[in-house]
């Protein structure tokens, strides 16, 4: 039975409306970053930059400690994602392939950890780091970011490992591979979509994290870009062009990573949900 014209039209119209609602603020942020100040403060909105300028980006990049904070953000984010993937690969294989006492309880604990709001633990985390004399250090930030993204990473990769037929692993072991070799040569290549999806989630989570760095790292040179962005308007006042340029610079790495991984990431999330 063919659907009516209205039945075919409303899904597309809904998708277009949602796209405009979510994409317009991003467009306005980037376009404002390129507008001259006269267009930004104009009473009539300027929808498209007439005379694009890079001056606001230069102002943002010339801000104190900008490149130091860029390095800090990439260091803690990439390190946290790499550590979480390394730990999650081993944990997900154990949960999917091995049967041991307390296995179900272990999975439940990971689910609870995934649902728990990290903000309620900031005071306890601060006391731990303070007593360890590691305030204003990137090491505790990296470790806590790793723990923050680890539950999702383990649960997602567990589904992928469980979806790989045991026969493939057993065949490799019959051909002379040890269990670690079978994992690396047979299972690991099949986990690429899951690795992409979890890497994207971990990167976004760690890159955008704000409360922990606000409490743990008071030293300006030990902070990350989210905290720098929150104080940018305080430093530059009502320079909205520079503020939007700073926000654009902060968003660019996530946008580029998403564009690069979007197909693998979406496919990974849906494929990993097939079998658990």
Protein backbone atom coordinates (compact mmCIF):
# COMPACT_ATOMS: atom_id res chain seq x y z
CA UNK A 1 0.00 0.00 0.00
CA UNK A 2 1.44 3.30 -1.11
CA UNK A 3 1.77 6.09 1.40
CA UNK A 4 0.02 9.39 0.79
CA UNK A 5 1.94 12.47 -0.30
CA UNK A 6 1.67 13.89 3.22
CA UNK A 7 3.03 10.64 4.66
CA UNK A 8 6.07 10.89 2.41
CA UNK A 9 6.56 14.61 3.02
CA UNK A 10 6.49 14.98 6.80
CA UNK A 11 9.63 12.89 7.60
CA UNK A 12 11.72 14.95 5.19
CA UNK A 13 10.22 18.22 6.40
CA UNK A 14 10.89 17.24 10.02
CA UNK A 15 14.48 16.38 9.18
CA UNK A 16 14.99 19.73 7.43
CA UNK A 17 13.51 21.67 10.37
CA UNK A 18 15.69 19.82 12.89
CA UNK A 19 18.76 20.39 10.72
CA UNK A 20 18.09 24.12 10.55
CA UNK A 21 17.44 24.38 14.31
CA UNK A 22 20.67 22.60 15.22
CA UNK A 23 22.89 23.85 12.40
CA UNK A 24 21.96 27.53 12.48
CA UNK A 25 23.72 28.37 15.80
CA UNK A 26 26.87 26.71 14.46
CA UNK A 27 26.63 28.67 11.22
CA UNK A 28 26.03 31.91 13.12
CA UNK A 29 29.06 31.28 15.31
CA UNK A 30 31.38 30.71 12.35
CA UNK A 31 29.92 33.52 10.24
CA UNK A 32 30.20 36.01 13.13
CA UNK A 33 33.84 35.06 13.55
CA UNK A 34 34.51 36.22 9.99
CA UNK A 35 32.39 39.39 10.08
CA UNK A 36 33.93 42.81 10.60
CA UNK A 37 32.93 44.49 13.84
CA UNK A 38 30.63 46.92 12.02
CA UNK A 39 28.50 44.01 10.75
CA UNK A 40 28.43 42.35 14.17
CA UNK A 41 27.09 45.43 16.01
CA UNK A 42 24.75 46.45 13.19
CA UNK A 43 21.09 46.83 14.16
CA UNK A 44 20.09 44.89 11.04
CA UNK A 45 21.39 41.30 11.10
CA UNK A 46 24.00 40.50 8.46
CA UNK A 47 23.33 36.93 7.39
CA UNK A 48 26.40 36.52 5.21
CA UNK A 49 29.79 38.16 5.81
CA UNK A 50 30.32 40.77 3.11
CA UNK A 51 33.97 41.53 3.84
CA UNK A 52 35.38 38.46 5.56
CA UNK A 53 38.21 39.14 7.98
CA UNK A 54 40.69 37.01 9.91
CA UNK A 55 41.29 39.72 12.50
CA UNK A 56 39.13 38.07 15.17
CA UNK A 57 41.00 34.78 14.78
CA UNK A 58 44.32 36.57 15.16
CA UNK A 59 43.02 38.23 18.33
CA UNK A 60 41.98 34.87 19.75
CA UNK A 61 45.20 33.07 18.82
CA UNK A 62 47.33 35.91 20.20
CA UNK A 63 45.65 35.56 23.62
CA UNK A 64 47.93 34.63 26.50
CA UNK A 65 48.75 30.91 26.77
CA UNK A 66 46.50 29.97 23.83
CA UNK A 67 48.92 27.53 22.20
CA UNK A 68 49.94 26.12 25.58
CA UNK A 69 46.30 25.36 26.33
CA UNK A 70 45.83 23.81 22.89
CA UNK A 71 48.70 21.47 23.66
CA UNK A 72 47.27 20.68 27.10
CA UNK A 73 43.85 19.86 25.66
CA UNK A 74 45.23 17.57 22.98
CA UNK A 75 47.59 15.89 25.45
CA UNK A 76 44.95 14.98 28.04
CA UNK A 77 42.27 14.13 25.46
CA UNK A 78 44.36 11.90 23.19
CA UNK A 79 46.07 10.24 26.18
CA UNK A 80 42.72 9.53 27.87
CA UNK A 81 41.22 8.07 24.69
CA UNK A 82 44.28 5.89 24.05
CA UNK A 83 44.38 4.59 27.63
CA UNK A 84 40.65 3.87 27.70
CA UNK A 85 40.84 1.96 24.42
CA UNK A 86 43.81 -0.11 25.59
CA UNK A 87 42.08 -1.06 28.86
CA UNK A 88 38.67 -1.54 27.27
CA UNK A 89 39.99 -3.92 24.61
CA UNK A 90 41.23 -6.33 27.27
CA UNK A 91 38.21 -5.90 29.54
CA UNK A 92 35.68 -6.28 26.72
CA UNK A 93 37.36 -9.48 25.53
CA UNK A 94 37.24 -10.93 29.05
CA UNK A 95 33.57 -10.00 29.48
CA UNK A 96 32.52 -11.35 26.09
CA UNK A 97 34.60 -14.53 25.89
CA UNK A 98 35.33 -15.69 29.43
CA UNK A 99 32.96 -16.98 32.07
CA UNK A 100 33.93 -16.08 35.62
CA UNK A 101 32.20 -15.49 38.91
CA UNK A 102 30.82 -11.99 39.29
CA UNK A 103 30.79 -11.29 35.55
CA UNK A 104 27.21 -10.02 35.47
CA UNK A 105 27.78 -7.88 38.54
CA UNK A 106 30.85 -6.43 36.87
CA UNK A 107 28.76 -5.36 33.88
CA UNK A 108 26.09 -3.85 36.15
CA UNK A 109 28.74 -1.83 37.99
CA UNK A 110 29.99 -0.45 34.65
CA UNK A 111 26.44 0.53 33.68
CA UNK A 112 25.94 2.31 36.99
CA UNK A 113 29.26 4.11 36.56
CA UNK A 114 28.16 5.20 33.09
CA UNK A 115 24.95 6.73 34.49
CA UNK A 116 26.54 8.42 37.51
CA UNK A 117 27.02 12.20 37.17
CA UNK A 118 30.71 12.99 37.59
CA UNK A 119 30.00 16.49 38.86
CA UNK A 120 28.89 15.14 42.26
CA UNK A 121 32.35 13.63 42.78
CA UNK A 122 34.41 16.73 42.05
CA UNK A 123 34.98 17.51 45.75
CA UNK A 124 36.20 13.98 46.47
CA UNK A 125 38.41 14.06 43.38
CA UNK A 126 39.85 17.41 44.43
CA UNK A 127 40.73 16.06 47.89
CA UNK A 128 42.43 13.01 46.37
CA UNK A 129 44.52 15.10 43.98
CA UNK A 130 45.32 17.70 46.65
CA UNK A 131 46.48 15.06 49.13
CA UNK A 132 48.61 13.55 46.39
CA UNK A 133 50.16 17.00 45.74
CA UNK A 134 49.24 16.82 42.05
CA UNK A 135 47.20 19.98 41.61
CA UNK A 136 47.93 21.93 38.40
CA UNK A 137 49.16 18.73 36.73
CA UNK A 138 47.91 17.08 33.55
CA UNK A 139 48.44 13.57 34.93
CA UNK A 140 45.36 13.41 37.22
CA UNK A 141 43.27 15.05 34.50
CA UNK A 142 44.29 12.33 32.05
CA UNK A 143 43.57 9.54 34.55
CA UNK A 144 40.15 10.86 35.53
CA UNK A 145 39.19 11.48 31.90
CA UNK A 146 40.17 7.87 31.19
CA UNK A 147 37.93 6.62 33.99
CA UNK A 148 35.16 8.92 32.77
CA UNK A 149 34.97 7.41 29.26
CA UNK A 150 35.96 3.85 30.19
CA UNK A 151 32.47 2.43 31.06
CA UNK A 152 30.98 3.40 27.69
CA UNK A 153 34.06 2.14 25.86
CA UNK A 154 34.03 -1.24 27.62
CA UNK A 155 30.30 -1.82 27.15
CA UNK A 156 30.40 -0.85 23.47
CA UNK A 157 33.47 -2.93 22.59
CA UNK A 158 32.05 -5.87 24.56
CA UNK A 159 29.11 -5.96 22.16
CA UNK A 160 31.47 -5.99 19.19
CA UNK A 161 33.61 -8.78 20.57
CA UNK A 162 30.50 -10.81 21.35
CA UNK A 163 29.29 -10.33 17.76
CA UNK A 164 32.46 -11.92 16.33
CA UNK A 165 31.86 -15.69 15.85
CA UNK A 166 33.92 -17.83 18.19
CA UNK A 167 34.68 -20.14 15.27
CA UNK A 168 36.98 -17.53 13.72
CA UNK A 169 39.06 -17.34 16.87
CA UNK A 170 39.08 -21.11 17.32
CA UNK A 171 40.16 -21.65 13.71
CA UNK A 172 43.09 -19.31 14.20
CA UNK A 173 44.11 -21.18 17.35
CA UNK A 174 43.84 -24.53 15.51
CA UNK A 175 46.19 -23.10 12.87
CA UNK A 176 48.77 -22.44 15.56
CA UNK A 177 47.95 -19.00 16.94
CA UNK A 178 47.93 -18.39 20.65
CA UNK A 179 44.89 -16.68 22.15
CA UNK A 180 46.58 -13.23 22.16
CA UNK A 181 47.67 -13.75 18.55
CA UNK A 182 44.15 -14.82 17.56
CA UNK A 183 42.78 -11.70 19.22
CA UNK A 184 45.22 -9.38 17.45
CA UNK A 185 45.01 -11.02 14.01
CA UNK A 186 41.35 -12.03 13.87
CA UNK A 187 39.19 -10.12 16.35
CA UNK A 188 41.00 -6.79 16.53
CA UNK A 189 40.62 -5.92 12.79
CA UNK A 190 36.87 -6.58 13.06
CA UNK A 191 36.53 -4.08 15.91
CA UNK A 192 37.42 -1.05 13.76
CA UNK A 193 33.87 0.41 13.68
CA UNK A 194 33.57 0.06 17.45
CA UNK A 195 36.97 1.64 17.99
CA UNK A 196 35.95 4.57 15.78
CA UNK A 197 32.66 5.09 17.65
CA UNK A 198 34.19 4.89 21.11
CA UNK A 199 37.14 7.08 20.10
CA UNK A 200 34.77 9.78 18.89
CA UNK A 201 32.69 9.62 22.08
CA UNK A 202 35.78 9.66 24.29
CA UNK A 203 37.35 12.56 22.41
CA UNK A 204 34.21 14.70 22.63
CA UNK A 205 33.72 13.91 26.33
CA UNK A 206 37.32 14.68 27.33
CA UNK A 207 37.68 17.67 25.00
CA UNK A 208 34.55 19.39 26.37
CA UNK A 209 35.08 18.56 30.06
CA UNK A 210 34.92 21.66 32.25
CA UNK A 211 34.21 21.10 36.00
CA UNK A 212 37.30 19.01 36.81
CA UNK A 213 39.83 21.32 35.19
CA UNK A 214 38.12 24.29 36.86
CA UNK A 215 38.71 22.76 40.30
CA UNK A 216 42.02 20.94 39.85
CA UNK A 217 44.06 23.32 37.69
CA UNK A 218 44.10 26.91 38.88
CA UNK A 219 47.41 27.69 37.21
CA UNK A 220 46.70 29.43 33.88
CA UNK A 221 49.34 27.38 32.06
CA UNK A 222 47.91 24.07 33.32
CA UNK A 223 44.35 24.65 32.12
CA UNK A 224 42.57 23.47 28.97
CA UNK A 225 40.59 25.17 26.22
CA UNK A 226 37.07 24.86 27.75
CA UNK A 227 38.15 26.88 30.79
CA UNK A 228 40.00 29.36 28.59
CA UNK A 229 36.89 29.80 26.45
CA UNK A 230 34.72 30.49 29.51
CA UNK A 231 37.01 33.34 30.57
CA UNK A 232 37.57 34.72 27.07
CA UNK A 233 34.74 37.24 27.23
CA UNK A 234 36.00 38.43 30.61
CA UNK A 235 39.39 39.18 29.04
CA UNK A 236 38.15 40.75 25.81
CA UNK A 237 34.93 42.34 27.05
CA UNK A 238 32.24 42.80 24.40
CA UNK A 239 34.48 41.82 21.46
CA UNK A 240 31.93 39.34 20.09
CA UNK A 241 33.94 38.71 16.96
CA UNK A 242 36.92 37.49 18.95
CA UNK A 243 34.62 35.50 21.24
CA UNK A 244 33.01 33.71 18.29
CA UNK A 245 36.42 33.14 16.74
CA UNK A 246 37.60 31.53 19.98
CA UNK A 247 34.50 29.31 20.08
CA UNK A 248 35.07 28.35 16.44
CA UNK A 249 38.68 27.38 17.10
CA UNK A 250 37.50 25.24 20.00
CA UNK A 251 34.86 23.49 17.86
CA UNK A 252 37.01 22.84 14.78
CA UNK A 253 38.86 19.70 16.06
CA UNK A 254 35.58 18.01 17.03
CA UNK A 255 33.94 18.89 13.72
CA UNK A 256 36.91 17.60 11.72
CA UNK A 257 37.05 14.38 13.73
CA UNK A 258 33.31 13.85 13.35
CA UNK A 259 33.42 14.43 9.59
CA UNK A 260 36.30 11.97 9.31
CA UNK A 261 34.73 9.26 11.48
CA UNK A 262 30.98 9.83 11.01
CA UNK A 263 30.23 6.81 8.83
CA UNK A 264 32.34 4.43 10.87
CA UNK A 265 31.06 5.87 14.15
CA UNK A 266 27.34 5.65 13.30
CA UNK A 267 27.78 2.21 11.79
CA UNK A 268 29.76 1.16 14.83
CA UNK A 269 27.10 2.22 17.30
CA UNK A 270 24.34 0.41 15.43
CA UNK A 271 26.38 -2.71 14.72
CA UNK A 272 27.50 -2.97 18.33
CA UNK A 273 23.87 -3.01 19.43
CA UNK A 274 23.07 -6.18 17.49
CA UNK A 275 24.45 -8.61 20.02
CA UNK A 276 25.42 -8.12 23.64
